N, C-alpha and C. Protein backbone atom coordinates (compact mmCIF):
# COMPACT_ATOMS: atom_id res chain seq x y z
N UNK A 1 1.02 -1.15 -0.08
CA UNK A 1 -0.01 0.17 -0.10
C UNK A 1 0.82 1.25 0.07
N UNK A 2 0.62 2.23 -0.96
CA UNK A 2 1.34 3.52 -0.78
C UNK A 2 1.08 4.35 0.30
N UNK A 3 2.26 5.07 0.73
CA UNK A 3 2.18 5.79 1.96
C UNK A 3 1.04 6.89 1.83
N UNK A 4 0.76 7.55 0.62
CA UNK A 4 -0.13 8.59 0.57
C UNK A 4 -1.60 7.76 0.65
N UNK A 5 -1.66 6.54 0.33
CA UNK A 5 -3.11 5.88 0.63
C UNK A 5 -3.47 5.39 1.95
N UNK A 6 -2.19 5.31 2.83
CA UNK A 6 -2.28 4.79 4.04
C UNK A 6 -3.23 5.59 5.10
N UNK A 7 -3.89 4.87 6.07
CA UNK A 7 -4.67 5.63 6.89
C UNK A 7 -3.85 5.83 8.09
N UNK A 8 -3.33 7.09 8.38
CA UNK A 8 -2.72 7.34 9.65
C UNK A 8 -3.43 7.12 10.86
N UNK A 9 -2.86 6.30 11.73
CA UNK A 9 -3.44 5.89 13.13
C UNK A 9 -3.80 7.01 13.78
N UNK A 10 -2.73 8.09 13.75
CA UNK A 10 -3.17 9.28 14.79
C UNK A 10 -4.30 10.08 14.24
N UNK A 11 -4.41 10.29 12.80
CA UNK A 11 -5.62 11.00 12.30
C UNK A 11 -6.76 10.14 12.20
N UNK A 12 -6.75 8.86 11.92
CA UNK A 12 -7.93 8.27 11.70
C UNK A 12 -8.01 6.79 12.43
N UNK A 13 -7.85 6.69 13.80
CA UNK A 13 -7.77 5.37 14.45
C UNK A 13 -8.96 4.31 14.05
N UNK A 14 -10.10 5.18 14.13
CA UNK A 14 -11.14 4.08 13.64
C UNK A 14 -11.05 3.42 12.40
N UNK A 15 -10.61 4.29 11.33
CA UNK A 15 -10.28 3.97 9.93
C UNK A 15 -9.48 2.61 10.00
N UNK A 16 -8.32 2.69 10.87
CA UNK A 16 -7.49 1.64 11.04
C UNK A 16 -8.30 0.39 11.44
N UNK A 17 -8.99 0.67 12.45
CA UNK A 17 -9.77 -0.55 12.97
C UNK A 17 -10.73 -0.97 11.90
N UNK A 18 -11.41 -0.25 11.26
CA UNK A 18 -12.43 -0.65 10.21
C UNK A 18 -11.66 -1.52 9.18
N UNK A 19 -10.32 -1.13 8.74
CA UNK A 19 -9.59 -1.97 7.85
C UNK A 19 -9.17 -3.28 8.41
N UNK A 20 -8.80 -3.35 9.87
CA UNK A 20 -8.51 -4.53 10.51
C UNK A 20 -9.72 -5.52 10.35
N UNK A 21 -10.93 -5.07 10.68
CA UNK A 21 -12.22 -5.68 10.70
C UNK A 21 -12.30 -6.32 9.30
N UNK A 22 -12.11 -5.69 8.21
CA UNK A 22 -12.33 -6.19 6.81
C UNK A 22 -11.13 -7.18 6.67
N UNK A 23 -9.89 -6.85 6.94
CA UNK A 23 -8.79 -7.85 6.72
C UNK A 23 -8.79 -9.09 7.27
N UNK A 24 -9.55 -9.09 8.33
CA UNK A 24 -9.44 -10.30 9.07
C UNK A 24 -11.06 -11.08 9.18
N UNK A 25 -11.92 -10.28 8.38
CA UNK A 25 -13.25 -10.89 8.32
C UNK A 25 -13.86 -11.17 9.67
N UNK A 26 -13.68 -10.12 10.55
CA UNK A 26 -14.17 -10.05 11.93
C UNK A 26 -15.88 -10.05 11.85
N UNK A 27 -16.56 -11.12 12.13
CA UNK A 27 -18.09 -10.88 12.01
C UNK A 27 -18.75 -9.93 13.19
N UNK A 28 -19.77 -9.41 12.86
CA UNK A 28 -20.43 -8.51 13.81
C UNK A 28 -20.57 -9.09 15.17
N UNK A 29 -20.96 -10.18 15.34
CA UNK A 29 -21.06 -10.95 16.60
C UNK A 29 -19.82 -11.09 17.39
N UNK A 30 -18.57 -11.11 16.69
CA UNK A 30 -17.34 -11.02 17.52
C UNK A 30 -16.70 -9.65 17.87
N UNK A 31 -17.54 -8.67 17.39
CA UNK A 31 -16.89 -7.10 17.51
C UNK A 31 -17.81 -6.71 18.65
N UNK A 32 -17.07 -5.96 19.69
CA UNK A 32 -17.66 -5.35 20.74
C UNK A 32 -18.52 -4.43 20.66
N UNK A 33 -19.72 -4.26 21.44
CA UNK A 33 -20.67 -3.12 21.07
C UNK A 33 -20.04 -1.59 21.03
N UNK A 34 -20.74 -0.78 20.60
CA UNK A 34 -20.06 0.33 20.60
C UNK A 34 -19.62 0.99 22.12
N UNK A 35 -20.73 0.69 23.02
CA UNK A 35 -20.49 1.10 24.49
C UNK A 35 -19.26 0.44 24.90
N UNK A 36 -19.16 -0.85 24.79
CA UNK A 36 -17.86 -1.59 25.37
C UNK A 36 -16.60 -1.04 24.80
N UNK A 37 -16.68 -0.65 23.46
CA UNK A 37 -15.62 -0.17 22.78
C UNK A 37 -15.13 1.26 23.45
N UNK A 38 -16.27 2.01 23.69
CA UNK A 38 -15.97 3.33 24.41
C UNK A 38 -15.39 3.07 25.85
N UNK A 39 -16.01 2.13 26.52
CA UNK A 39 -15.41 1.88 27.95
C UNK A 39 -14.10 1.52 28.01
N UNK A 40 -13.82 0.64 27.12
CA UNK A 40 -12.36 0.22 27.02
C UNK A 40 -11.32 1.38 26.61
N UNK A 41 -11.70 2.40 25.52
CA UNK A 41 -11.06 3.35 25.52
C UNK A 41 -10.74 4.48 26.48
N UNK A 42 -11.89 4.62 27.35
CA UNK A 42 -11.72 5.45 28.33
C UNK A 42 -10.92 4.95 29.51
N UNK A 43 -11.01 3.68 29.54
CA UNK A 43 -10.01 2.85 30.48
C UNK A 43 -8.45 3.10 30.13
N UNK A 44 -8.24 2.71 28.97
CA UNK A 44 -7.10 3.09 28.30
C UNK A 44 -6.40 4.41 28.44
N UNK A 45 -7.36 5.42 28.21
CA UNK A 45 -7.09 6.88 28.42
C UNK A 45 -6.61 7.24 29.84
N UNK A 46 -7.22 6.56 30.85
CA UNK A 46 -7.11 6.91 32.10
C UNK A 46 -5.77 6.28 32.61
N UNK A 47 -5.39 5.02 32.10
CA UNK A 47 -4.14 4.37 32.36
C UNK A 47 -2.88 5.01 31.80
N UNK A 48 -3.02 5.71 30.45
CA UNK A 48 -1.97 6.39 29.87
C UNK A 48 -1.71 7.64 30.68
N UNK A 49 -2.77 8.25 30.99
CA UNK A 49 -2.75 9.55 31.85
C UNK A 49 -1.74 9.31 33.18
N UNK A 50 -2.22 8.21 33.68
CA UNK A 50 -1.48 7.88 35.13
C UNK A 50 0.02 7.64 34.76
N UNK A 51 0.08 6.82 33.57
CA UNK A 51 1.60 6.47 33.19
C UNK A 51 2.49 7.72 32.91
N UNK A 52 1.82 8.68 32.05
CA UNK A 52 2.36 9.91 31.79
C UNK A 52 2.64 10.78 32.99
N UNK A 53 1.77 11.04 33.91
CA UNK A 53 2.22 11.59 35.09
C UNK A 53 3.37 10.76 35.83
N UNK A 54 3.35 9.74 35.88
CA UNK A 54 4.40 8.99 36.61
C UNK A 54 5.91 9.32 36.06
N UNK A 55 5.96 9.27 34.63
CA UNK A 55 6.87 9.68 33.85
C UNK A 55 7.39 11.22 33.96
N UNK A 56 6.43 11.99 34.26
CA UNK A 56 6.67 13.48 34.48
C UNK A 56 7.48 13.59 35.86
N UNK A 57 6.83 12.70 36.85
CA UNK A 57 7.45 12.85 38.06
C UNK A 57 8.94 12.27 38.09
N UNK A 58 9.11 11.25 37.22
CA UNK A 58 10.47 10.67 37.05
C UNK A 58 11.44 11.59 36.40
N UNK A 59 10.80 12.59 35.55
CA UNK A 59 11.62 13.44 34.97
C UNK A 59 12.33 14.58 36.18
N UNK A 60 11.40 14.90 37.14
CA UNK A 60 11.68 15.65 38.27
C UNK A 60 13.02 14.86 39.20
N UNK A 61 12.75 13.72 39.19
CA UNK A 61 13.83 12.80 39.79
C UNK A 61 15.19 13.02 39.06
N UNK A 62 15.14 12.67 37.72
CA UNK A 62 16.14 12.74 36.89
C UNK A 62 16.80 14.16 36.93
N UNK A 63 16.17 15.19 37.03
CA UNK A 63 16.75 16.58 37.11
C UNK A 63 17.44 16.62 38.41
N UNK A 64 17.00 16.07 39.42
CA UNK A 64 17.75 16.09 40.89
C UNK A 64 19.02 15.43 40.71
N UNK A 65 18.85 14.37 39.95
CA UNK A 65 20.16 13.51 39.77
C UNK A 65 21.32 14.24 39.02
N UNK A 66 20.72 14.90 37.90
CA UNK A 66 21.83 15.75 37.02
C UNK A 66 22.36 17.05 38.09
N UNK A 67 21.75 17.25 38.93
CA UNK A 67 22.24 18.34 39.91
C UNK A 67 23.18 17.94 41.03
N UNK A 68 23.34 16.47 40.97
CA UNK A 68 24.32 16.00 42.05
C UNK A 68 25.82 16.37 42.05
N UNK A 69 26.35 16.24 43.13
CA UNK A 69 27.84 16.56 43.14
C UNK A 69 28.71 15.57 42.75
N UNK A 70 27.91 14.27 42.67
CA UNK A 70 28.76 13.05 42.07
C UNK A 70 28.41 12.72 40.76
N UNK A 71 29.45 12.44 39.99
CA UNK A 71 29.45 12.41 38.59
C UNK A 71 28.55 11.14 38.42
N UNK A 72 28.81 10.20 38.83
CA UNK A 72 27.87 8.74 38.61
C UNK A 72 26.36 9.10 38.77
N UNK A 73 26.00 9.79 39.64
CA UNK A 73 24.39 10.31 39.74
C UNK A 73 24.29 11.15 38.68
N UNK A 74 25.01 12.17 38.27
CA UNK A 74 24.59 13.22 37.42
C UNK A 74 24.51 12.40 35.81
N UNK A 75 25.53 11.42 35.74
CA UNK A 75 25.42 10.69 34.51
C UNK A 75 24.09 9.86 34.39
N UNK A 76 23.73 9.34 35.50
CA UNK A 76 22.62 8.57 35.63
C UNK A 76 21.37 9.31 35.28
N UNK A 77 21.28 10.64 35.97
CA UNK A 77 20.26 11.68 35.68
C UNK A 77 19.99 11.87 34.23
N UNK A 78 21.16 12.15 33.58
CA UNK A 78 20.89 12.45 32.07
C UNK A 78 20.71 11.19 31.19
N UNK A 79 21.02 10.19 31.55
CA UNK A 79 20.28 8.99 30.70
C UNK A 79 18.97 8.73 31.14
N UNK A 80 18.64 8.82 32.35
CA UNK A 80 17.12 8.61 32.75
C UNK A 80 16.35 9.85 32.05
N UNK A 81 16.66 11.02 32.17
CA UNK A 81 16.16 12.23 31.53
C UNK A 81 15.74 11.93 30.11
N UNK A 82 16.60 11.47 29.23
CA UNK A 82 16.27 11.02 27.94
C UNK A 82 15.24 10.05 27.70
N UNK A 83 15.46 8.97 28.56
CA UNK A 83 14.41 7.88 28.51
C UNK A 83 13.01 8.26 28.98
N UNK A 84 13.11 9.17 29.96
CA UNK A 84 11.66 9.62 30.63
C UNK A 84 10.96 10.64 29.53
N UNK A 85 11.76 11.44 28.85
CA UNK A 85 11.23 12.43 28.04
C UNK A 85 10.61 11.67 26.87
N UNK A 86 11.23 10.57 26.25
CA UNK A 86 10.84 9.90 25.04
C UNK A 86 9.43 9.12 25.63
N UNK A 87 9.38 8.75 26.69
CA UNK A 87 8.07 7.93 27.23
C UNK A 87 6.86 8.85 27.29
N UNK A 88 7.25 10.02 27.89
CA UNK A 88 6.06 11.12 28.05
C UNK A 88 5.56 11.30 26.51
N UNK A 89 6.53 11.61 25.78
CA UNK A 89 6.09 11.85 24.25
C UNK A 89 5.16 10.62 23.77
N UNK A 90 5.70 9.44 23.91
CA UNK A 90 4.92 8.45 23.43
C UNK A 90 3.60 8.16 24.03
N UNK A 91 3.30 8.30 25.36
CA UNK A 91 2.06 8.34 26.07
C UNK A 91 1.24 9.59 25.63
N UNK A 92 1.85 10.72 25.44
CA UNK A 92 0.92 11.92 25.10
C UNK A 92 0.47 11.59 23.55
N UNK A 93 1.33 11.19 22.71
CA UNK A 93 0.62 10.78 21.47
C UNK A 93 -0.37 9.60 21.43
N UNK A 94 -0.31 8.74 22.50
CA UNK A 94 -1.27 7.67 22.53
C UNK A 94 -2.38 8.36 23.10
N UNK A 95 -2.37 9.39 23.99
CA UNK A 95 -3.54 9.95 24.57
C UNK A 95 -4.30 10.58 23.38
N UNK A 96 -3.45 11.45 22.49
CA UNK A 96 -4.10 12.18 21.47
C UNK A 96 -4.83 11.04 20.59
N UNK A 97 -4.21 10.10 20.05
CA UNK A 97 -4.91 9.02 19.28
C UNK A 97 -6.23 8.48 19.88
N UNK A 98 -6.08 8.07 21.35
CA UNK A 98 -7.41 7.56 21.82
C UNK A 98 -8.59 8.58 21.87
N UNK A 99 -8.02 9.87 22.32
CA UNK A 99 -9.16 10.82 22.36
C UNK A 99 -9.79 10.99 21.02
N UNK A 100 -9.05 10.79 19.71
CA UNK A 100 -9.51 11.27 18.57
C UNK A 100 -10.35 9.97 18.16
N UNK A 101 -10.01 8.84 18.76
CA UNK A 101 -10.83 7.48 18.33
C UNK A 101 -12.16 7.53 19.17
N UNK A 102 -12.16 8.18 20.48
CA UNK A 102 -13.40 8.34 21.17
C UNK A 102 -14.24 9.37 20.54
N UNK A 103 -13.77 10.47 20.01
CA UNK A 103 -14.56 11.31 19.12
C UNK A 103 -15.12 10.68 18.13
N UNK A 104 -14.39 9.95 17.35
CA UNK A 104 -15.00 9.26 16.03
C UNK A 104 -15.92 8.31 16.38
N UNK A 105 -15.87 7.45 17.50
CA UNK A 105 -16.91 6.53 17.95
C UNK A 105 -18.28 7.22 18.37
N UNK A 106 -17.99 8.40 18.95
CA UNK A 106 -19.22 9.17 19.33
C UNK A 106 -19.99 9.77 18.17
N UNK A 107 -18.93 10.25 16.99
CA UNK A 107 -19.62 10.53 15.70
C UNK A 107 -20.32 9.55 15.01
N UNK A 108 -19.86 8.35 15.06
CA UNK A 108 -20.35 7.28 14.42
C UNK A 108 -21.63 6.66 14.81
N UNK A 109 -21.46 6.69 16.39
CA UNK A 109 -22.67 5.82 17.03
C UNK A 109 -23.51 6.95 17.77
N UNK A 110 -24.57 7.43 17.36
CA UNK A 110 -25.41 8.60 18.23
C UNK A 110 -25.62 8.12 19.69
N UNK A 111 -25.83 6.85 20.02
CA UNK A 111 -26.12 6.64 21.44
C UNK A 111 -24.86 6.89 22.40
N UNK A 112 -23.71 7.06 21.78
CA UNK A 112 -22.44 7.32 22.64
C UNK A 112 -22.31 8.88 22.70
N UNK A 113 -23.08 9.78 21.97
CA UNK A 113 -22.83 11.18 22.20
C UNK A 113 -23.26 11.68 23.65
N UNK A 114 -22.47 12.68 23.90
CA UNK A 114 -22.65 13.24 25.24
C UNK A 114 -23.57 14.54 25.18
N UNK A 115 -24.64 14.45 26.07
CA UNK A 115 -25.51 15.48 26.12
C UNK A 115 -24.93 16.84 27.01
N UNK A 116 -24.96 17.90 26.27
CA UNK A 116 -24.43 19.12 26.89
C UNK A 116 -25.57 19.83 27.49
């Protein structure tokens, strides 16, 4: 498949799922209900938020190590900082994708729409 025709997961995660359903011939009875899909995504989002927060706290710890008088601790702090920043980026991208998928589910299934 050409890159120009690929569905980008971050832009259209529900489209990627729909392609997967077609590719593997997943019958409707094996597909979770829209309500179950939404509940799962909301749970995933909460987990990612907690993990991202934990990594942000780890960044604070890494910064503390970087400010140590001991070279070994400073080095450890710099190594840890790079890893934690990368992890925060990954979790943040995941949260963006899941929020987009929740929005797409609510657009597709009127019963999932939130009344304001």
